Every structure is written in C-alpha cells, then in structure tokens.
Amino acid sequence: MEKLLIAGAIAAGVVIMLAPICIPILHRLKFGQSIREEGPKSHQKKSGTPTMGGMFLITGIVVATLIQAQWNAEIFLALFILLGHFILGFVDDYLKVVRKKNQGLLARYKLAGQILIAVVTTFVASELLINFNPTIWIPIINKTIDAGNLYLPFMFVVMVGASNAVNLTDGLDGLASGCVAIAASCYAVICLLTGHEDLAIFCAATVGACIGFLKFNFHPAKVFMGDTGSLALGGAFAAVGILTRTEILLAVIGFVFVCEAMSVILQVISFKSTGKRIFRMSPIHHHFELGGWSEVKVVFVFWTVGLIAGVIGLSMAT
C-alpha cells in the first residue's frame, strides 16, 4: 500500500510541477483547442485553451511507475500499451492543432496502430507471462472460456473500445480525468486482489496523475489533455483489464465511458436510418448540458455514476 501511495504522490507531483512550465509554452506555440460550432454555446469561450496537456499527464504516470514498480514484462507491456496510444493521440493532435488538418490522423492509420499494439501485446504476453492464455473470464457466473484464435481480435476490440470511449468522454472540464481516476482506483484494488502488485502501482500512478491534472483541468480548465492524453488513458484502462484477465469488468467499471460511446453510436444509427436524433447532442454529456444542467453538475453526476459503477465492478471481482 505504501508503494501505491508514493507512486500516486510522485505522479501527481510530476504533473503539478510540469503544468506551470508547459501550459505557457503551449500558449506561445498556439496549441489551442478548436471548439465545434454546433456544440453548446457556452463552450465557445474555451476556444484557444491550450490542449495536448496529455504530454505532462502521461509523463507523470510513466515516471512514477518506473520509480516504484519492478521492471518486469507485465509493467513494460502496460507502458507499451499506454505509450503506443499516447503516440497515436499525439500524432492526431499534432495534425489537427499544428498542421490544421481537421480530420487529424485518418481512422485507418489509427486502427492500424492499434492492431500493431494488440499484436505485439499478444505475442509478448504469450511468450513472457507464465499465466497468460487466450481465455476470457465471465463475471457473475465466474466461468472462463477459451477464446483461442479469437482472442487477438477480442483484445483489439477491447483496446479500440476503451481508448475511443475515454476519448469521447473528454468533452467537459475534468470529466475524463476524474472518471479515469475513479476507474483506476478500482482497478488498483483488483490488481492487489489478483496478485498483480506492480500493475496496482501503475494504476495508482494513473490516479495520482489524473488528480494532479485536475488542478489545471477542472472548470474553468486552463488546459485540455487532448487525444494525446485521452487515447493514452483509454489504453492504460484497457491494459490493466487485459493483463489482469478481467476484460469484461472494463465495461462495468467504465460504465460512464460505455454510455458515452454508445450514445454516439446510437445517435449516428438513428440519424442515418430515420433522420431523427435520440439525444439533443452526443456524446451524452452534451445532452444533459443542452437540457439545462451546468457543466460542473454534469461532471459531478457522471463522477458519481462512475463511482457507483466502480463499486459494483469491485463487488463482482471479489
């Protein structure tokens, strides 16, 4: 437990130390967030707020993990998944913010990168991790099924789903960082219960970095994490689920992320098939904003839902 607390403190300290240095640099470089015009009108004042803050957020996680955790295959895989998604997010942000390419990194290149991460993870895990096998644990009924050759595509779906779901959640000040901190706290406990002490340190570092980032990202945000941070945090979330063999629990503990992603999918399907929208706007956090909720209220309610989902997930894991 002491190592976890120290890891969290180191990660938070790194973020809090780097942010005052990096934010003015992002300002000078004009790495500002573009706000879509069809979004809530209250968000227009956020235009130009520095983005790509994920650079110092992820630095906090990596530094704290390398200092406190043992350097073994499991930790390097977790960092590989984290940093792989970090690179994808950084390139996406760079193209949108610096090169002014609205599409950012094309979907096919992003998917190709995630396939590569999944393939490398599967190969390294199967070769170096003794207890790693292509099985999927089903909570509640406590059954394990052998996925065989289907495990690689399953892992790919988990990574794509988690990274993009966290990415979609990052639409309000402090929403994604707070929800990730809650989810990572729950997974730190699961890691300890399943004998993955070093992964628990990785989770604690994620919690600390997100809490440190909230100092600058909570409303009114001084900096946004961008895809650089949100894709990487989603990758970290997927990593601990995969390495602890609790992939299904990701959907429970990450219930808020699932709702955000599903709201976008349902909105697109409904509009394309019927011409009608289910929500006032997707992702779903904007639906509540346009319904009259303040941004801070939406964030606190979603954090509360995330906490309840985390407790449910923990109860299923024990």
Protein backbone atom coordinates (compact mmCIF):
# COMPACT_ATOMS: atom_id res chain seq x y z
CA MET A 1 0.00 0.00 0.00
CA GLU A 2 2.86 2.37 0.78
CA LYS A 3 4.31 1.95 -2.70
CA LEU A 4 0.93 2.75 -4.22
CA LEU A 5 0.58 5.94 -2.21
CA ILE A 6 4.12 7.01 -3.10
CA ALA A 7 3.51 6.25 -6.80
CA GLY A 8 0.35 8.35 -6.75
CA ALA A 9 2.14 11.20 -4.99
CA ILE A 10 5.07 11.11 -7.42
CA ALA A 11 2.76 11.12 -10.45
CA ALA A 12 0.69 13.99 -9.06
CA GLY A 13 3.87 15.89 -8.17
CA VAL A 14 5.34 15.49 -11.66
CA VAL A 15 2.13 16.76 -13.27
CA ILE A 16 1.79 19.70 -10.86
CA MET A 17 5.44 20.60 -11.39
CA LEU A 18 5.36 20.36 -15.20
CA ALA A 19 1.99 22.01 -15.84
CA PRO A 20 3.01 25.61 -14.96
CA ILE A 21 6.01 25.18 -17.25
CA CYS A 22 4.21 23.51 -20.15
CA ILE A 23 0.94 25.48 -20.26
CA PRO A 24 2.62 28.84 -21.11
CA ILE A 25 4.69 27.06 -23.78
CA LEU A 26 1.52 25.59 -25.30
CA HIS A 27 0.06 29.11 -25.25
CA ARG A 28 3.06 30.58 -27.07
CA LEU A 29 3.01 27.80 -29.65
CA LYS A 30 -0.73 28.48 -30.15
CA PHE A 31 -1.59 24.85 -29.46
CA GLY A 32 -5.18 25.86 -28.71
CA GLN A 33 -8.33 23.77 -28.70
CA SER A 34 -10.78 24.30 -31.57
CA ILE A 35 -14.42 24.19 -30.44
CA ARG A 36 -17.00 22.87 -32.89
CA GLU A 37 -19.64 25.49 -33.67
CA GLU A 38 -22.55 23.07 -33.37
CA GLY A 39 -21.57 22.36 -29.75
CA PRO A 40 -23.05 24.06 -26.68
CA LYS A 41 -22.71 27.85 -26.99
CA SER A 42 -21.13 28.03 -23.52
CA HIS A 43 -18.13 26.11 -24.89
CA GLN A 44 -17.18 28.77 -27.43
CA LYS A 45 -15.28 30.73 -24.77
CA LYS A 46 -12.99 27.69 -24.40
CA SER A 47 -11.63 28.17 -27.90
CA GLY A 48 -7.87 28.66 -27.77
CA THR A 49 -7.43 26.97 -24.40
CA PRO A 50 -4.13 25.03 -24.60
CA THR A 51 -4.52 21.36 -25.45
CA MET A 52 -2.13 18.38 -25.63
CA GLY A 53 -1.74 18.55 -21.86
CA GLY A 54 -1.67 14.77 -22.01
CA MET A 55 2.06 15.12 -22.59
CA PHE A 56 2.78 16.01 -18.96
CA LEU A 57 -0.10 13.88 -17.62
CA ILE A 58 1.32 10.71 -19.19
CA THR A 59 4.85 11.72 -18.17
CA GLY A 60 3.68 11.62 -14.55
CA ILE A 61 2.34 8.07 -14.96
CA VAL A 62 5.49 6.78 -16.66
CA VAL A 63 7.93 8.40 -14.21
CA ALA A 64 6.06 7.21 -11.11
CA THR A 65 5.65 3.68 -12.49
CA LEU A 66 9.32 3.33 -13.41
CA ILE A 67 10.40 4.58 -9.98
CA GLN A 68 8.06 2.46 -7.85
CA ALA A 69 7.26 -0.71 -9.81
CA GLN A 70 9.55 -3.61 -10.62
CA TRP A 71 10.72 -3.58 -14.20
CA ASN A 72 9.13 -6.77 -15.50
CA ALA A 73 7.31 -7.90 -18.64
CA GLU A 74 3.89 -7.00 -17.25
CA ILE A 75 4.86 -3.43 -16.45
CA PHE A 76 6.62 -2.92 -19.75
CA LEU A 77 3.54 -4.23 -21.58
CA ALA A 78 1.31 -1.82 -19.65
CA LEU A 79 3.65 1.07 -20.50
CA PHE A 80 3.88 -0.11 -24.12
CA ILE A 81 0.08 -0.03 -24.48
CA LEU A 82 -0.08 3.35 -22.73
CA LEU A 83 2.69 4.92 -24.81
CA GLY A 84 1.50 3.32 -28.05
CA HIS A 85 -1.85 5.04 -27.67
CA PHE A 86 -0.08 8.19 -26.49
CA ILE A 87 1.83 8.34 -29.78
CA LEU A 88 -1.37 7.82 -31.80
CA GLY A 89 -3.07 10.58 -29.83
CA PHE A 90 -0.09 12.92 -30.14
CA VAL A 91 0.04 12.50 -33.93
CA ASP A 92 -3.73 13.06 -34.12
CA ASP A 93 -3.48 16.26 -32.04
CA TYR A 94 -0.42 17.47 -33.93
CA LEU A 95 -2.17 17.13 -37.28
CA LYS A 96 -5.31 18.88 -36.03
CA VAL A 97 -3.78 21.59 -33.86
CA VAL A 98 -0.45 22.34 -35.54
CA ARG A 99 -0.99 21.30 -39.15
CA LYS A 100 -4.65 22.42 -39.07
CA LYS A 101 -5.91 19.20 -40.66
CA ASN A 102 -9.45 18.85 -39.34
CA GLN A 103 -9.55 15.07 -39.75
CA GLY A 104 -6.36 14.57 -37.78
CA LEU A 105 -4.92 11.09 -38.05
CA LEU A 106 -7.01 9.13 -40.53
CA ALA A 107 -9.07 6.34 -38.96
CA ARG A 108 -7.35 3.62 -40.99
CA TYR A 109 -3.91 4.66 -39.71
CA LYS A 110 -5.18 4.88 -36.13
CA LEU A 111 -6.71 1.40 -36.40
CA ALA A 112 -3.51 0.07 -37.98
CA GLY A 113 -1.55 1.41 -34.99
CA GLN A 114 -3.96 -0.20 -32.54
CA ILE A 115 -3.78 -3.52 -34.40
CA LEU A 116 0.02 -3.38 -34.14
CA ILE A 117 -0.21 -2.67 -30.39
CA ALA A 118 -2.61 -5.61 -29.94
CA VAL A 119 -0.43 -8.00 -31.96
CA VAL A 120 2.76 -7.07 -30.09
CA THR A 121 0.96 -7.29 -26.73
CA THR A 122 -0.44 -10.73 -27.51
CA PHE A 123 2.90 -12.06 -28.74
CA VAL A 124 4.97 -10.70 -25.85
CA ALA A 125 2.39 -11.68 -23.23
CA SER A 126 2.07 -15.24 -24.52
CA GLU A 127 5.86 -15.63 -24.64
CA LEU A 128 6.87 -13.94 -21.38
CA LEU A 129 3.91 -14.08 -18.99
CA ILE A 130 3.51 -17.52 -17.44
CA ASN A 131 -0.21 -17.30 -16.66
CA PHE A 132 -1.26 -15.54 -19.86
CA ASN A 133 -3.51 -17.61 -22.11
CA PRO A 134 -6.27 -16.83 -24.63
CA THR A 135 -9.16 -17.11 -22.17
CA ILE A 136 -11.92 -14.71 -21.20
CA TRP A 137 -13.34 -14.62 -17.67
CA ILE A 138 -17.08 -14.05 -17.40
CA PRO A 139 -18.00 -12.34 -14.09
CA ILE A 140 -21.17 -13.17 -12.10
CA ILE A 141 -21.23 -16.76 -13.40
CA ASN A 142 -17.46 -16.99 -12.72
CA LYS A 143 -16.74 -19.01 -15.84
CA THR A 144 -13.70 -18.89 -18.12
CA ILE A 145 -13.98 -19.60 -21.84
CA ASP A 146 -11.12 -20.42 -24.19
CA ALA A 147 -11.17 -17.82 -26.99
CA GLY A 148 -8.38 -19.47 -28.95
CA ASN A 149 -7.60 -17.62 -32.18
CA LEU A 150 -10.40 -15.17 -31.46
CA TYR A 151 -8.53 -13.67 -28.53
CA LEU A 152 -6.41 -11.33 -30.69
CA PRO A 153 -9.42 -9.68 -32.35
CA PHE A 154 -11.10 -9.59 -28.94
CA MET A 155 -8.08 -7.77 -27.47
CA PHE A 156 -8.13 -5.36 -30.41
CA VAL A 157 -11.82 -4.59 -29.77
CA VAL A 158 -11.07 -4.01 -26.06
CA MET A 159 -8.25 -1.58 -26.87
CA VAL A 160 -10.18 0.29 -29.55
CA GLY A 161 -13.31 0.41 -27.41
CA ALA A 162 -11.56 1.61 -24.24
CA SER A 163 -9.33 4.20 -25.89
CA ASN A 164 -12.08 5.70 -28.02
CA ALA A 165 -14.63 5.65 -25.19
CA VAL A 166 -12.32 7.63 -22.90
CA ASN A 167 -11.55 9.92 -25.83
CA LEU A 168 -15.27 10.65 -26.31
CA THR A 169 -15.70 11.27 -22.57
CA ASP A 170 -13.11 14.04 -22.70
CA GLY A 171 -15.58 16.76 -23.60
CA LEU A 172 -16.13 18.64 -20.34
CA ASP A 173 -13.63 20.17 -17.92
CA GLY A 174 -12.39 17.44 -15.60
CA LEU A 175 -14.85 14.79 -16.78
CA ALA A 176 -12.44 12.27 -18.32
CA SER A 177 -9.61 12.79 -15.83
CA GLY A 178 -11.97 12.36 -12.87
CA CYS A 179 -13.68 9.28 -14.30
CA VAL A 180 -10.32 7.68 -15.15
CA ALA A 181 -9.04 8.39 -11.63
CA ILE A 182 -12.10 6.61 -10.17
CA ALA A 183 -11.80 3.64 -12.54
CA ALA A 184 -8.04 3.33 -11.97
CA SER A 185 -8.59 3.37 -8.19
CA CYS A 186 -10.96 0.42 -8.53
CA TYR A 187 -8.51 -1.42 -10.73
CA ALA A 188 -5.68 -0.81 -8.25
CA VAL A 189 -7.74 -2.81 -5.73
CA ILE A 190 -8.47 -5.54 -8.30
CA CYS A 191 -4.76 -5.76 -9.16
CA LEU A 192 -3.91 -6.25 -5.49
CA LEU A 193 -6.62 -8.90 -5.09
CA THR A 194 -5.36 -10.82 -8.14
CA GLY A 195 -1.68 -10.67 -7.22
CA HIS A 196 -0.63 -8.01 -9.72
CA GLU A 197 1.13 -5.69 -7.28
CA ASP A 198 3.18 -3.86 -9.90
CA LEU A 199 0.12 -3.22 -12.04
CA ALA A 200 -1.53 -1.82 -8.92
CA ILE A 201 1.34 0.68 -8.76
CA PHE A 202 0.70 1.55 -12.43
CA CYS A 203 -2.97 2.16 -11.56
CA ALA A 204 -2.01 4.27 -8.52
CA ALA A 205 0.28 6.36 -10.73
CA THR A 206 -2.62 6.87 -13.14
CA VAL A 207 -4.85 8.00 -10.27
CA GLY A 208 -2.22 10.43 -8.99
CA ALA A 209 -1.52 11.87 -12.44
CA CYS A 210 -5.22 12.41 -13.11
CA ILE A 211 -5.74 14.09 -9.73
CA GLY A 212 -2.73 16.32 -10.36
CA PHE A 213 -4.10 17.15 -13.81
CA LEU A 214 -7.49 18.06 -12.34
CA LYS A 215 -5.84 21.01 -10.60
CA PHE A 216 -5.48 22.57 -14.06
CA ASN A 217 -8.29 20.80 -15.94
CA PHE A 218 -11.28 21.29 -13.63
CA HIS A 219 -13.74 24.03 -14.59
CA PRO A 220 -12.70 26.52 -15.81
CA ALA A 221 -9.95 24.47 -17.43
CA LYS A 222 -6.54 26.03 -18.00
CA VAL A 223 -5.53 23.12 -20.23
CA PHE A 224 -7.09 20.14 -22.00
CA MET A 225 -5.46 16.72 -22.26
CA GLY A 226 -6.36 16.31 -25.95
CA ASP A 227 -6.26 12.99 -27.77
CA THR A 228 -2.65 12.81 -26.54
CA GLY A 229 -3.97 12.14 -23.04
CA SER A 230 -7.42 10.61 -23.57
CA LEU A 231 -6.34 7.88 -26.02
CA ALA A 232 -3.40 7.02 -23.76
CA LEU A 233 -5.58 6.85 -20.63
CA GLY A 234 -8.03 4.64 -22.50
CA GLY A 235 -5.11 2.45 -23.49
CA ALA A 236 -3.99 2.27 -19.85
CA PHE A 237 -7.53 1.26 -18.83
CA ALA A 238 -7.51 -1.50 -21.47
CA ALA A 239 -4.02 -2.61 -20.43
CA VAL A 240 -4.93 -3.37 -16.81
CA GLY A 241 -8.09 -5.18 -17.90
CA ILE A 242 -6.17 -7.35 -20.35
CA LEU A 243 -3.23 -8.09 -18.07
CA THR A 244 -5.45 -8.98 -15.09
CA ARG A 245 -7.73 -11.06 -17.38
CA THR A 246 -10.78 -9.03 -16.32
CA GLU A 247 -11.60 -7.51 -19.69
CA ILE A 248 -15.37 -7.84 -19.22
CA LEU A 249 -15.17 -5.84 -15.98
CA LEU A 250 -13.89 -2.88 -18.01
CA ALA A 251 -17.43 -2.36 -19.27
CA VAL A 252 -18.79 -2.37 -15.71
CA ILE A 253 -16.18 -0.19 -14.01
CA GLY A 254 -16.02 2.00 -17.10
CA PHE A 255 -19.82 2.29 -17.35
CA VAL A 256 -19.62 6.05 -17.95
CA PHE A 257 -17.22 5.51 -20.85
CA VAL A 258 -19.53 2.85 -22.30
CA CYS A 259 -22.51 5.21 -22.10
CA GLU A 260 -20.55 7.98 -23.82
CA ALA A 261 -19.52 5.70 -26.68
CA MET A 262 -22.93 4.06 -27.06
CA SER A 263 -24.67 7.46 -27.18
CA VAL A 264 -22.56 8.39 -30.20
CA ILE A 265 -23.17 5.05 -31.93
CA LEU A 266 -26.95 5.16 -31.31
CA GLN A 267 -27.15 8.79 -32.41
CA VAL A 268 -25.42 8.05 -35.70
CA ILE A 269 -27.52 4.93 -36.39
CA SER A 270 -30.77 6.73 -35.57
CA PHE A 271 -29.99 9.81 -37.65
CA LYS A 272 -28.81 7.84 -40.67
CA SER A 273 -31.73 5.40 -40.58
CA THR A 274 -34.63 7.68 -39.56
CA GLY A 275 -33.32 11.24 -39.83
CA LYS A 276 -34.11 11.75 -36.14
CA ARG A 277 -31.78 12.19 -33.18
CA ILE A 278 -32.19 10.27 -29.92
CA PHE A 279 -30.19 12.77 -27.88
CA ARG A 280 -30.07 16.56 -28.06
CA MET A 281 -26.38 16.07 -28.82
CA SER A 282 -23.87 13.29 -28.42
CA PRO A 283 -21.73 12.28 -26.58
CA ILE A 284 -24.37 12.09 -23.88
CA HIS A 285 -22.76 14.65 -21.54
CA HIS A 286 -23.78 17.34 -24.07
CA HIS A 287 -27.38 16.04 -23.97
CA PHE A 288 -27.59 16.95 -20.29
CA GLU A 289 -25.86 20.30 -20.86
CA LEU A 290 -28.38 21.26 -23.52
CA GLY A 291 -31.10 20.13 -21.12
CA GLY A 292 -30.11 22.90 -18.74
CA TRP A 293 -27.55 21.26 -16.46
CA SER A 294 -24.42 23.26 -15.70
CA GLU A 295 -21.13 21.79 -16.85
CA VAL A 296 -20.00 21.28 -13.25
CA LYS A 297 -23.25 19.47 -12.37
CA VAL A 298 -22.85 17.09 -15.32
CA VAL A 299 -19.28 16.34 -14.29
CA PHE A 300 -20.15 15.64 -10.64
CA VAL A 301 -23.15 13.45 -11.58
CA PHE A 302 -21.04 11.45 -14.03
CA TRP A 303 -18.28 11.07 -11.44
CA THR A 304 -20.90 9.75 -9.00
CA VAL A 305 -22.20 7.26 -11.56
CA GLY A 306 -18.60 6.20 -12.25
CA LEU A 307 -18.02 5.66 -8.53
CA ILE A 308 -21.16 3.53 -8.17
CA ALA A 309 -20.18 1.51 -11.25
CA GLY A 310 -16.70 1.05 -9.79
CA VAL A 311 -18.10 -0.31 -6.53
CA ILE A 312 -20.33 -2.71 -8.46
CA GLY A 313 -17.35 -3.85 -10.51
CA LEU A 314 -15.30 -4.41 -7.37
CA SER A 315 -18.09 -6.48 -5.83
CA MET A 316 -18.17 -8.64 -8.96
CA ALA A 317 -14.40 -9.17 -8.78
CA THR A 318 -14.38 -10.36 -5.16
